[in-house]
Structures are given as C-alpha cells and as structure tokens.
C-alpha cells in the first residue's frame, strides 16, 4: 500500500478524533483553563491525547453511585443544619471577612 495513503488516513483519523473530542469538551462546559489544557493535549499528542482525556479528564459516577448519593444527600443536609444550630452559629454576628468561609461550613 502507498505510504502517502496510510499517512493521509492516519492524519484524517487524528483530526476526526480531535474534532469529536473538541465538541465533547465544549459541550460539557468545564472551566476555561481545563478545556484549553485538554484541547492542547488532544491537539498536540495524536491519539494518546484523546485516550488520556477519556481516561482521566472526565468525572464519571455510575448510575448506582449517583442514586446512592441522591439518597444520602438529604440526611447530610439535615446533619449540616443541626451542626450549625448545635454550635450556635449565628451568621449576622460573623465579620464580613469570614463570609466566604461560611459557604464551606
């Protein structure tokens, strides 16, 4: 087989994979830095960049884990509210500099 045909087929396959991966990354709407980094990897490392993204770039929870999380979340939220009440956390008395920390409590 002609080497030019083989190299052209490999090039076209790479660009089709990169195009598909680009569409996938953009439609998932991750943060801009994350998108650009993975797109750079996918564009610069043929085939391996796409494989790396599919293995490491996405967070996937199985439907069973997502279902379990949905069951546990209300109980966790109740516990969180009880914890705030039990320790007398009064938000208006907290200084304005500490407001960002309240979101994490």
C-alpha atoms as a PDB file:
ATOM      1  CA  UNK A   1       0.000   0.000   0.000  1.00  0.00           C
ATOM      2  CA  UNK A   2       1.157   3.501  -0.781  1.00  0.00           C
ATOM      3  CA  UNK A   3       2.741   5.236   2.270  1.00  0.00           C
ATOM      4  CA  UNK A   4       1.058   8.513   1.359  1.00  0.00           C
ATOM      5  CA  UNK A   5      -2.369   6.907   1.596  1.00  0.00           C
ATOM      6  CA  UNK A   6      -1.537   5.454   5.005  1.00  0.00           C
ATOM      7  CA  UNK A   7      -0.202   8.748   6.363  1.00  0.00           C
ATOM      8  CA  UNK A   8      -3.217  10.616   4.995  1.00  0.00           C
ATOM      9  CA  UNK A   9      -5.594   8.104   6.604  1.00  0.00           C
ATOM     10  CA  UNK A  10      -3.810   8.470   9.945  1.00  0.00           C
ATOM     11  CA  UNK A  11      -3.917  12.278   9.681  1.00  0.00           C
ATOM     12  CA  UNK A  12      -7.617  12.340   8.795  1.00  0.00           C
ATOM     13  CA  UNK A  13      -8.408   9.896  11.619  1.00  0.00           C
ATOM     14  CA  UNK A  14      -6.485  12.061  14.102  1.00  0.00           C
ATOM     15  CA  UNK A  15      -8.358  15.200  13.042  1.00  0.00           C
ATOM     16  CA  UNK A  16     -11.722  13.457  13.225  1.00  0.00           C
ATOM     17  CA  UNK A  17     -10.924  12.269  16.751  1.00  0.00           C
ATOM     18  CA  UNK A  18      -9.750  15.767  17.746  1.00  0.00           C
ATOM     19  CA  UNK A  19     -12.898  17.317  16.261  1.00  0.00           C
ATOM     20  CA  UNK A  20     -15.140  14.889  18.153  1.00  0.00           C
ATOM     21  CA  UNK A  21     -13.210  15.425  21.373  1.00  0.00           C
ATOM     22  CA  UNK A  22     -13.380  19.203  20.943  1.00  0.00           C
ATOM     23  CA  UNK A  23     -17.146  19.054  20.582  1.00  0.00           C
ATOM     24  CA  UNK A  24     -17.393  16.809  23.644  1.00  0.00           C
ATOM     25  CA  UNK A  25     -15.217  19.081  25.799  1.00  0.00           C
ATOM     26  CA  UNK A  26     -17.006  22.272  24.748  1.00  0.00           C
ATOM     27  CA  UNK A  27     -20.492  20.832  25.264  1.00  0.00           C
ATOM     28  CA  UNK A  28     -19.637  19.658  28.801  1.00  0.00           C
ATOM     29  CA  UNK A  29     -18.821  23.318  29.692  1.00  0.00           C
ATOM     30  CA  UNK A  30     -15.905  22.810  32.080  1.00  0.00           C
ATOM     31  CA  UNK A  31     -13.845  25.798  33.300  1.00  0.00           C
ATOM     32  CA  UNK A  32     -11.901  27.530  30.520  1.00  0.00           C
ATOM     33  CA  UNK A  33      -8.460  26.539  31.789  1.00  0.00           C
ATOM     34  CA  UNK A  34      -9.490  22.906  31.981  1.00  0.00           C
ATOM     35  CA  UNK A  35     -10.879  22.995  28.443  1.00  0.00           C
ATOM     36  CA  UNK A  36      -7.845  24.669  26.954  1.00  0.00           C
ATOM     37  CA  UNK A  37      -5.417  22.329  28.675  1.00  0.00           C
ATOM     38  CA  UNK A  38      -7.188  19.197  27.464  1.00  0.00           C
ATOM     39  CA  UNK A  39      -7.624  20.602  23.967  1.00  0.00           C
ATOM     40  CA  UNK A  40      -3.891  21.362  23.843  1.00  0.00           C
ATOM     41  CA  UNK A  41      -3.115  17.787  24.864  1.00  0.00           C
ATOM     42  CA  UNK A  42      -5.565  16.364  22.337  1.00  0.00           C
ATOM     43  CA  UNK A  43      -4.208  18.523  19.502  1.00  0.00           C
ATOM     44  CA  UNK A  44      -0.528  18.009  20.245  1.00  0.00           C
ATOM     45  CA  UNK A  45      -0.365  14.299  21.087  1.00  0.00           C
ATOM     46  CA  UNK A  46      -2.026  12.279  18.328  1.00  0.00           C
ATOM     47  CA  UNK A  47      -4.366   9.525  19.549  1.00  0.00           C
ATOM     48  CA  UNK A  48      -2.768   9.366  23.009  1.00  0.00           C
ATOM     49  CA  UNK A  49      -4.139  12.812  23.942  1.00  0.00           C
ATOM     50  CA  UNK A  50      -7.701  11.699  23.237  1.00  0.00           C
ATOM     51  CA  UNK A  51      -7.145   8.464  25.138  1.00  0.00           C
ATOM     52  CA  UNK A  52      -5.752  10.368  28.127  1.00  0.00           C
ATOM     53  CA  UNK A  53      -8.743  12.701  28.175  1.00  0.00           C
ATOM     54  CA  UNK A  54     -11.217   9.843  28.046  1.00  0.00           C
ATOM     55  CA  UNK A  55      -9.383   8.019  30.851  1.00  0.00           C
ATOM     56  CA  UNK A  56      -8.539  10.941  33.149  1.00  0.00           C
ATOM     57  CA  UNK A  57     -10.355  14.073  32.004  1.00  0.00           C
ATOM     58  CA  UNK A  58     -13.928  13.321  32.989  1.00  0.00           C
ATOM     59  CA  UNK A  59     -15.522  12.563  36.302  1.00  0.00           C
ATOM     60  CA  UNK A  60     -17.877   9.668  35.922  1.00  0.00           C
ATOM     61  CA  UNK A  61     -20.106   8.238  38.604  1.00  0.00           C
ATOM     62  CA  UNK A  62     -22.043   5.142  37.813  1.00  0.00           C
ATOM     63  CA  UNK A  63     -25.815   5.375  37.991  1.00  0.00           C
ATOM     64  CA  UNK A  64     -25.772   3.274  41.174  1.00  0.00           C
ATOM     65  CA  UNK A  65     -23.370   5.666  42.924  1.00  0.00           C
ATOM     66  CA  UNK A  66     -25.335   8.701  41.758  1.00  0.00           C
ATOM     67  CA  UNK A  67     -28.535   7.110  43.075  1.00  0.00           C
ATOM     68  CA  UNK A  68     -26.894   6.399  46.448  1.00  0.00           C
ATOM     69  CA  UNK A  69     -25.645   9.976  46.648  1.00  0.00           C
ATOM     70  CA  UNK A  70     -29.163  11.240  45.981  1.00  0.00           C
ATOM     71  CA  UNK A  71     -30.433   9.156  48.901  1.00  0.00           C
ATOM     72  CA  UNK A  72     -27.661  10.281  51.280  1.00  0.00           C
ATOM     73  CA  UNK A  73     -27.705  13.977  50.428  1.00  0.00           C
ATOM     74  CA  UNK A  74     -30.886  14.959  52.354  1.00  0.00           C
ATOM     75  CA  UNK A  75     -29.596  13.241  55.503  1.00  0.00           C
ATOM     76  CA  UNK A  76     -26.275  15.024  55.135  1.00  0.00           C
ATOM     77  CA  UNK A  77     -28.011  18.387  54.687  1.00  0.00           C
ATOM     78  CA  UNK A  78     -30.093  17.781  57.853  1.00  0.00           C
ATOM     79  CA  UNK A  79     -26.954  16.885  59.798  1.00  0.00           C
ATOM     80  CA  UNK A  80     -25.276  20.040  58.498  1.00  0.00           C
ATOM     81  CA  UNK A  81     -28.169  22.220  59.704  1.00  0.00           C
ATOM     82  CA  UNK A  82     -28.219  20.500  63.116  1.00  0.00           C
ATOM     83  CA  UNK A  83     -24.483  21.043  63.410  1.00  0.00           C
ATOM     84  CA  UNK A  84     -24.848  24.789  62.748  1.00  0.00           C
ATOM     85  CA  UNK A  85     -27.705  25.092  65.251  1.00  0.00           C
ATOM     86  CA  UNK A  86     -25.976  22.927  67.882  1.00  0.00           C
ATOM     87  CA  UNK A  87     -22.876  25.095  67.912  1.00  0.00           C
ATOM     88  CA  UNK A  88     -24.804  28.356  67.892  1.00  0.00           C
ATOM     89  CA  UNK A  89     -23.536  29.625  64.585  1.00  0.00           C
ATOM     90  CA  UNK A  90     -25.154  32.996  64.169  1.00  0.00           C
ATOM     91  CA  UNK A  91     -24.322  34.292  60.727  1.00  0.00           C
ATOM     92  CA  UNK A  92     -25.132  38.010  61.277  1.00  0.00           C
ATOM     93  CA  UNK A  93     -22.528  38.142  64.084  1.00  0.00           C
ATOM     94  CA  UNK A  94     -19.734  36.892  61.838  1.00  0.00           C
ATOM     95  CA  UNK A  95     -17.404  39.527  60.444  1.00  0.00           C
ATOM     96  CA  UNK A  96     -17.690  40.274  56.717  1.00  0.00           C
ATOM     97  CA  UNK A  97     -14.167  38.966  56.016  1.00  0.00           C
ATOM     98  CA  UNK A  98     -15.281  35.493  57.141  1.00  0.00           C
ATOM     99  CA  UNK A  99     -18.353  35.245  54.886  1.00  0.00           C
ATOM    100  CA  UNK A 100     -16.547  33.170  52.217  1.00  0.00           C
ATOM    101  CA  UNK A 101     -15.765  30.600  54.906  1.00  0.00           C
ATOM    102  CA  UNK A 102     -19.461  30.234  55.790  1.00  0.00           C
ATOM    103  CA  UNK A 103     -20.105  28.678  52.394  1.00  0.00           C
ATOM    104  CA  UNK A 104     -17.720  25.870  53.308  1.00  0.00           C
ATOM    105  CA  UNK A 105     -19.160  25.235  56.756  1.00  0.00           C
END
